C-alpha cells in the first residue's frame, strides 16, 4: 500500500501526500489487482488455482484476542471499539462451546 509520506529529493525532508494523491494511488493499485485477477482467470484452464484457506474458529478467536490486546495497549483506545471486539469474542467463544457440545453429543449417540 502506498506510503502516506513522500520523500523530498536529497534534502531528506518529508511532506504529507495529499488525500487526492493517496486516493489515486489506491485506485491504481486496486485496478492493477483486478487486471491481474482477470489474467489469472484466463490461465485457470491451464492450472488449478489454489484458493486461500478460510480461517478456522480457533484461529479467528486467537485473532480477535490479539486485536483486543492491541486495542487495550493503545493510548487513544476507543471504548466503543473495545466493547465491540469483546462482544465478538464472546460470540466466537459461544460458537466454539456449542461445537464442542455438539461433537460430544455426536460421539455419545454414535457409540450407543
N, C-alpha and C. Protein backbone atom coordinates (compact mmCIF):
# COMPACT_ATOMS: atom_id res chain seq x y z
N UNK A 1 0.84 -1.17 0.00
CA UNK A 1 0.00 0.00 0.00
C UNK A 1 0.89 1.23 0.00
N UNK A 2 0.39 2.26 -0.53
CA UNK A 2 1.17 3.49 -0.68
C UNK A 2 1.47 4.11 0.67
N UNK A 3 2.62 4.71 0.75
CA UNK A 3 3.02 5.41 1.97
C UNK A 3 2.32 6.74 2.04
N UNK A 4 2.04 7.19 3.25
CA UNK A 4 1.38 8.49 3.42
C UNK A 4 2.35 9.64 3.25
N UNK A 5 3.64 9.34 3.21
CA UNK A 5 4.63 10.40 3.11
C UNK A 5 5.52 10.15 1.90
N UNK A 6 5.87 11.21 1.21
CA UNK A 6 6.77 11.12 0.06
C UNK A 6 8.06 11.87 0.39
N UNK A 7 9.20 11.28 0.05
CA UNK A 7 10.48 11.91 0.35
C UNK A 7 10.73 13.06 -0.61
N UNK A 8 11.30 14.18 -0.09
CA UNK A 8 11.57 15.37 -0.90
C UNK A 8 13.02 15.38 -1.33
N UNK A 9 13.34 14.81 -2.47
CA UNK A 9 14.68 14.90 -3.04
C UNK A 9 15.77 14.43 -2.10
N UNK A 10 16.93 15.07 -2.18
CA UNK A 10 18.09 14.70 -1.37
C UNK A 10 18.11 15.39 -0.02
N UNK A 11 17.18 16.31 0.21
CA UNK A 11 17.19 17.06 1.46
C UNK A 11 16.79 16.21 2.65
N UNK A 12 16.11 15.09 2.40
CA UNK A 12 15.73 14.21 3.49
C UNK A 12 14.47 14.67 4.21
N UNK A 13 13.78 15.68 3.72
CA UNK A 13 12.55 16.12 4.37
C UNK A 13 11.39 15.28 3.87
N UNK A 14 10.29 15.32 4.57
CA UNK A 14 9.11 14.56 4.20
C UNK A 14 7.92 15.50 4.12
N UNK A 15 7.09 15.27 3.12
CA UNK A 15 5.87 16.06 3.03
C UNK A 15 4.70 15.09 2.96
N UNK A 16 3.59 15.49 3.54
CA UNK A 16 2.43 14.62 3.56
C UNK A 16 1.83 14.54 2.16
N UNK A 17 1.52 13.33 1.74
CA UNK A 17 0.88 13.13 0.45
C UNK A 17 -0.57 13.58 0.58
N UNK A 18 -1.06 14.30 -0.41
CA UNK A 18 -2.43 14.80 -0.34
C UNK A 18 -3.42 13.64 -0.41
N UNK A 19 -4.60 13.87 0.09
CA UNK A 19 -5.65 12.85 0.06
C UNK A 19 -5.96 12.44 -1.37
N UNK A 20 -5.96 13.42 -2.27
CA UNK A 20 -6.24 13.14 -3.68
C UNK A 20 -5.18 12.22 -4.27
N UNK A 21 -3.89 12.50 -3.97
CA UNK A 21 -2.81 11.65 -4.48
C UNK A 21 -2.92 10.23 -3.92
N UNK A 22 -3.21 10.15 -2.63
CA UNK A 22 -3.33 8.84 -1.99
C UNK A 22 -4.50 8.07 -2.60
N UNK A 23 -5.61 8.75 -2.83
CA UNK A 23 -6.76 8.11 -3.45
C UNK A 23 -6.40 7.58 -4.84
N UNK A 24 -5.69 8.38 -5.62
CA UNK A 24 -5.29 7.96 -6.96
C UNK A 24 -4.37 6.73 -6.90
N UNK A 25 -3.45 6.72 -5.93
CA UNK A 25 -2.55 5.58 -5.78
C UNK A 25 -3.33 4.32 -5.41
N UNK A 26 -4.29 4.46 -4.51
CA UNK A 26 -5.10 3.31 -4.10
C UNK A 26 -5.94 2.78 -5.26
N UNK A 27 -6.52 3.69 -6.05
CA UNK A 27 -7.30 3.28 -7.21
C UNK A 27 -6.42 2.55 -8.22
N UNK A 28 -5.22 3.08 -8.46
CA UNK A 28 -4.30 2.44 -9.40
C UNK A 28 -3.91 1.05 -8.91
N UNK A 29 -3.65 0.93 -7.60
CA UNK A 29 -3.28 -0.35 -7.02
C UNK A 29 -4.43 -1.36 -7.18
N UNK A 30 -5.64 -0.92 -6.87
CA UNK A 30 -6.81 -1.80 -6.98
C UNK A 30 -7.06 -2.21 -8.43
N UNK A 31 -6.90 -1.27 -9.34
CA UNK A 31 -7.08 -1.56 -10.76
C UNK A 31 -6.07 -2.61 -11.22
N UNK A 32 -4.84 -2.47 -10.78
CA UNK A 32 -3.80 -3.44 -11.13
C UNK A 32 -4.16 -4.82 -10.60
N UNK A 33 -4.70 -4.89 -9.38
CA UNK A 33 -5.11 -6.18 -8.82
C UNK A 33 -6.22 -6.81 -9.66
N UNK A 34 -7.18 -6.00 -10.10
CA UNK A 34 -8.26 -6.52 -10.93
C UNK A 34 -7.75 -7.05 -12.26
N UNK A 35 -6.81 -6.33 -12.86
CA UNK A 35 -6.23 -6.76 -14.14
C UNK A 35 -5.50 -8.09 -13.95
N UNK A 36 -4.74 -8.20 -12.87
CA UNK A 36 -4.02 -9.44 -12.59
C UNK A 36 -4.99 -10.59 -12.33
N UNK A 37 -6.11 -10.30 -11.66
CA UNK A 37 -7.11 -11.34 -11.39
C UNK A 37 -7.74 -11.82 -12.69
N UNK A 38 -8.01 -10.90 -13.61
CA UNK A 38 -8.58 -11.30 -14.90
C UNK A 38 -7.60 -12.17 -15.67
N UNK A 39 -6.34 -11.82 -15.64
CA UNK A 39 -5.33 -12.65 -16.30
C UNK A 39 -5.28 -14.03 -15.67
N UNK A 40 -5.44 -14.06 -14.35
CA UNK A 40 -5.44 -15.34 -13.64
C UNK A 40 -6.61 -16.20 -14.06
N UNK A 41 -7.78 -15.58 -14.33
CA UNK A 41 -8.94 -16.33 -14.78
C UNK A 41 -8.69 -16.95 -16.14
N UNK A 42 -7.96 -16.26 -17.00
CA UNK A 42 -7.64 -16.80 -18.32
C UNK A 42 -6.72 -18.01 -18.19
N UNK A 43 -5.84 -17.99 -17.21
CA UNK A 43 -4.90 -19.08 -17.01
C UNK A 43 -5.51 -20.22 -16.20
N UNK A 44 -6.73 -20.04 -15.73
CA UNK A 44 -7.35 -21.04 -14.86
C UNK A 44 -7.49 -22.39 -15.55
N UNK A 45 -7.75 -22.37 -16.84
CA UNK A 45 -7.87 -23.61 -17.58
C UNK A 45 -6.55 -24.37 -17.61
N UNK A 46 -5.45 -23.65 -17.58
CA UNK A 46 -4.13 -24.28 -17.65
C UNK A 46 -3.72 -24.87 -16.30
N UNK A 47 -3.94 -24.13 -15.26
CA UNK A 47 -3.51 -24.55 -13.92
C UNK A 47 -4.70 -24.52 -12.98
N UNK A 48 -4.68 -25.42 -12.01
CA UNK A 48 -5.69 -25.35 -10.95
C UNK A 48 -5.30 -24.23 -10.00
N UNK A 49 -6.24 -23.34 -9.77
CA UNK A 49 -5.97 -22.20 -8.90
C UNK A 49 -6.12 -22.64 -7.45
N UNK A 50 -5.16 -22.30 -6.63
CA UNK A 50 -5.23 -22.64 -5.21
C UNK A 50 -5.92 -21.49 -4.50
N UNK A 51 -7.05 -21.79 -3.88
CA UNK A 51 -7.79 -20.77 -3.15
C UNK A 51 -7.22 -20.63 -1.75
N UNK A 52 -7.22 -19.41 -1.22
CA UNK A 52 -6.73 -19.24 0.14
C UNK A 52 -7.66 -19.96 1.12
N UNK A 53 -7.07 -20.53 2.14
CA UNK A 53 -7.89 -21.26 3.10
C UNK A 53 -8.65 -20.29 4.00
N UNK A 54 -9.83 -20.71 4.39
CA UNK A 54 -10.66 -19.90 5.28
C UNK A 54 -10.21 -20.20 6.71
N UNK A 55 -9.95 -19.16 7.50
CA UNK A 55 -9.51 -19.40 8.88
C UNK A 55 -10.56 -20.20 9.65
N UNK A 56 -10.08 -21.06 10.51
CA UNK A 56 -10.97 -21.86 11.34
C UNK A 56 -11.31 -21.09 12.61
N UNK A 57 -12.27 -21.58 13.35
CA UNK A 57 -12.77 -20.90 14.54
C UNK A 57 -11.68 -20.62 15.57
N UNK A 58 -10.82 -21.58 15.91
CA UNK A 58 -9.77 -21.27 16.89
C UNK A 58 -8.82 -20.15 16.41
N UNK A 59 -8.55 -20.12 15.11
CA UNK A 59 -7.70 -19.07 14.56
C UNK A 59 -8.38 -17.71 14.64
N UNK A 60 -9.69 -17.68 14.36
CA UNK A 60 -10.45 -16.43 14.45
C UNK A 60 -10.50 -15.94 15.89
N UNK A 61 -10.68 -16.86 16.82
CA UNK A 61 -10.72 -16.49 18.23
C UNK A 61 -9.37 -15.94 18.69
N UNK A 62 -8.30 -16.57 18.26
CA UNK A 62 -6.96 -16.08 18.60
C UNK A 62 -6.73 -14.69 18.00
N UNK A 63 -7.19 -14.47 16.79
CA UNK A 63 -7.02 -13.17 16.13
C UNK A 63 -7.78 -12.07 16.86
N UNK A 64 -9.01 -12.36 17.30
CA UNK A 64 -9.80 -11.34 17.99
C UNK A 64 -9.18 -11.03 19.35
N UNK A 65 -8.61 -12.04 20.00
CA UNK A 65 -7.91 -11.80 21.27
C UNK A 65 -6.70 -10.90 21.05
N UNK A 66 -5.99 -11.12 19.95
CA UNK A 66 -4.85 -10.29 19.62
C UNK A 66 -5.28 -8.85 19.36
N UNK A 67 -6.38 -8.66 18.64
CA UNK A 67 -6.91 -7.32 18.39
C UNK A 67 -7.31 -6.62 19.68
N UNK A 68 -7.93 -7.35 20.59
CA UNK A 68 -8.33 -6.77 21.88
C UNK A 68 -7.10 -6.34 22.65
N UNK A 69 -6.10 -7.20 22.69
CA UNK A 69 -4.86 -6.87 23.39
C UNK A 69 -4.20 -5.64 22.79
N UNK A 70 -4.16 -5.58 21.47
CA UNK A 70 -3.57 -4.43 20.79
C UNK A 70 -4.35 -3.16 21.11
N UNK A 71 -5.67 -3.23 21.04
CA UNK A 71 -6.52 -2.06 21.28
C UNK A 71 -6.37 -1.57 22.71
N UNK A 72 -6.29 -2.49 23.66
CA UNK A 72 -6.13 -2.10 25.06
C UNK A 72 -4.80 -1.39 25.29
N UNK A 73 -3.80 -1.71 24.52
CA UNK A 73 -2.48 -1.11 24.68
C UNK A 73 -2.33 0.26 24.04
N UNK A 74 -3.32 0.69 23.29
CA UNK A 74 -3.24 1.99 22.61
C UNK A 74 -3.64 3.11 23.56
N UNK A 75 -2.92 4.22 23.47
CA UNK A 75 -3.24 5.38 24.31
C UNK A 75 -4.58 5.99 23.94
N UNK A 76 -4.92 5.93 22.67
CA UNK A 76 -6.16 6.55 22.20
C UNK A 76 -7.24 5.50 21.95
N UNK A 77 -7.24 4.44 22.76
CA UNK A 77 -8.19 3.35 22.57
C UNK A 77 -9.62 3.86 22.74
N UNK A 78 -10.46 3.47 21.80
CA UNK A 78 -11.86 3.85 21.81
C UNK A 78 -12.65 2.76 22.53
N UNK A 79 -13.37 3.13 23.58
CA UNK A 79 -14.09 2.13 24.37
C UNK A 79 -15.19 1.44 23.58
N UNK A 80 -15.81 2.15 22.65
CA UNK A 80 -16.87 1.51 21.86
C UNK A 80 -16.28 0.42 20.95
N UNK A 81 -15.10 0.67 20.41
CA UNK A 81 -14.43 -0.34 19.59
C UNK A 81 -14.05 -1.54 20.44
N UNK A 82 -13.54 -1.27 21.63
CA UNK A 82 -13.15 -2.35 22.53
C UNK A 82 -14.37 -3.19 22.93
N UNK A 83 -15.49 -2.53 23.22
CA UNK A 83 -16.71 -3.27 23.58
C UNK A 83 -17.18 -4.14 22.41
N UNK A 84 -17.08 -3.62 21.20
CA UNK A 84 -17.47 -4.39 20.02
C UNK A 84 -16.59 -5.62 19.85
N UNK A 85 -15.28 -5.45 20.03
CA UNK A 85 -14.36 -6.58 19.91
C UNK A 85 -14.64 -7.62 20.99
N UNK A 86 -14.90 -7.16 22.22
CA UNK A 86 -15.21 -8.08 23.32
C UNK A 86 -16.50 -8.85 23.04
N UNK A 87 -17.49 -8.17 22.49
CA UNK A 87 -18.76 -8.82 22.15
C UNK A 87 -18.53 -9.89 21.08
N UNK A 88 -17.73 -9.57 20.09
CA UNK A 88 -17.44 -10.53 19.03
C UNK A 88 -16.65 -11.73 19.58
N UNK A 89 -15.76 -11.46 20.53
CA UNK A 89 -15.01 -12.55 21.16
C UNK A 89 -15.96 -13.50 21.90
N UNK A 90 -16.92 -12.94 22.64
CA UNK A 90 -17.89 -13.77 23.34
C UNK A 90 -18.72 -14.60 22.36
N UNK A 91 -19.09 -14.01 21.23
CA UNK A 91 -19.84 -14.73 20.21
C UNK A 91 -19.03 -15.92 19.69
N UNK A 92 -17.76 -15.70 19.41
CA UNK A 92 -16.91 -16.79 18.93
C UNK A 92 -16.73 -17.87 20.00
N UNK A 93 -16.60 -17.45 21.26
CA UNK A 93 -16.45 -18.42 22.35
C UNK A 93 -17.72 -19.26 22.50
N UNK A 94 -18.89 -18.64 22.37
CA UNK A 94 -20.15 -19.40 22.43
C UNK A 94 -20.23 -20.38 21.27
N UNK A 95 -19.82 -19.94 20.11
CA UNK A 95 -19.85 -20.80 18.93
C UNK A 95 -18.91 -21.99 19.13
N UNK A 96 -17.73 -21.72 19.68
CA UNK A 96 -16.76 -22.79 19.94
C UNK A 96 -17.32 -23.77 20.97
N UNK A 97 -17.95 -23.24 22.01
CA UNK A 97 -18.52 -24.08 23.05
C UNK A 97 -19.64 -24.96 22.50
N UNK A 98 -20.47 -24.41 21.64
CA UNK A 98 -21.56 -25.21 21.07
C UNK A 98 -21.02 -26.30 20.15
N UNK A 99 -19.91 -26.03 19.47
CA UNK A 99 -19.30 -27.05 18.62
C UNK A 99 -18.75 -28.20 19.45
N UNK A 100 -18.15 -27.87 20.60
CA UNK A 100 -17.63 -28.91 21.49
C UNK A 100 -18.79 -29.74 22.03
N UNK A 101 -19.88 -29.07 22.45
CA UNK A 101 -21.05 -29.79 22.96
C UNK A 101 -21.64 -30.68 21.89
N UNK A 102 -21.74 -30.19 20.67
CA UNK A 102 -22.31 -30.96 19.57
C UNK A 102 -21.44 -32.18 19.25
N UNK A 103 -20.13 -32.01 19.24
CA UNK A 103 -19.26 -33.15 18.93
C UNK A 103 -19.33 -34.19 20.03
N UNK A 104 -19.46 -33.77 21.29
CA UNK A 104 -19.60 -34.71 22.39
C UNK A 104 -20.90 -35.48 22.27
N UNK A 105 -21.98 -34.79 21.93
CA UNK A 105 -23.27 -35.44 21.75
C UNK A 105 -23.23 -36.41 20.57
N UNK A 106 -22.59 -36.02 19.48
CA UNK A 106 -22.46 -36.90 18.32
C UNK A 106 -21.69 -38.17 18.68
N UNK A 107 -20.63 -38.02 19.46
CA UNK A 107 -19.85 -39.19 19.88
C UNK A 107 -20.68 -40.11 20.76
N UNK A 108 -21.46 -39.53 21.67
CA UNK A 108 -22.28 -40.33 22.57
C UNK A 108 -23.33 -41.11 21.79
N UNK A 109 -23.97 -40.44 20.81
CA UNK A 109 -25.01 -41.10 20.01
C UNK A 109 -24.40 -42.20 19.15
N UNK A 110 -23.26 -41.96 18.55
CA UNK A 110 -22.66 -42.95 17.65
C UNK A 110 -22.13 -44.17 18.41
N UNK A 111 -21.80 -44.02 19.70
CA UNK A 111 -21.29 -45.14 20.48
C UNK A 111 -22.41 -45.91 21.18
N UNK A 112 -23.61 -45.42 21.12
CA UNK A 112 -24.73 -46.09 21.81
C UNK A 112 -25.24 -47.27 21.04
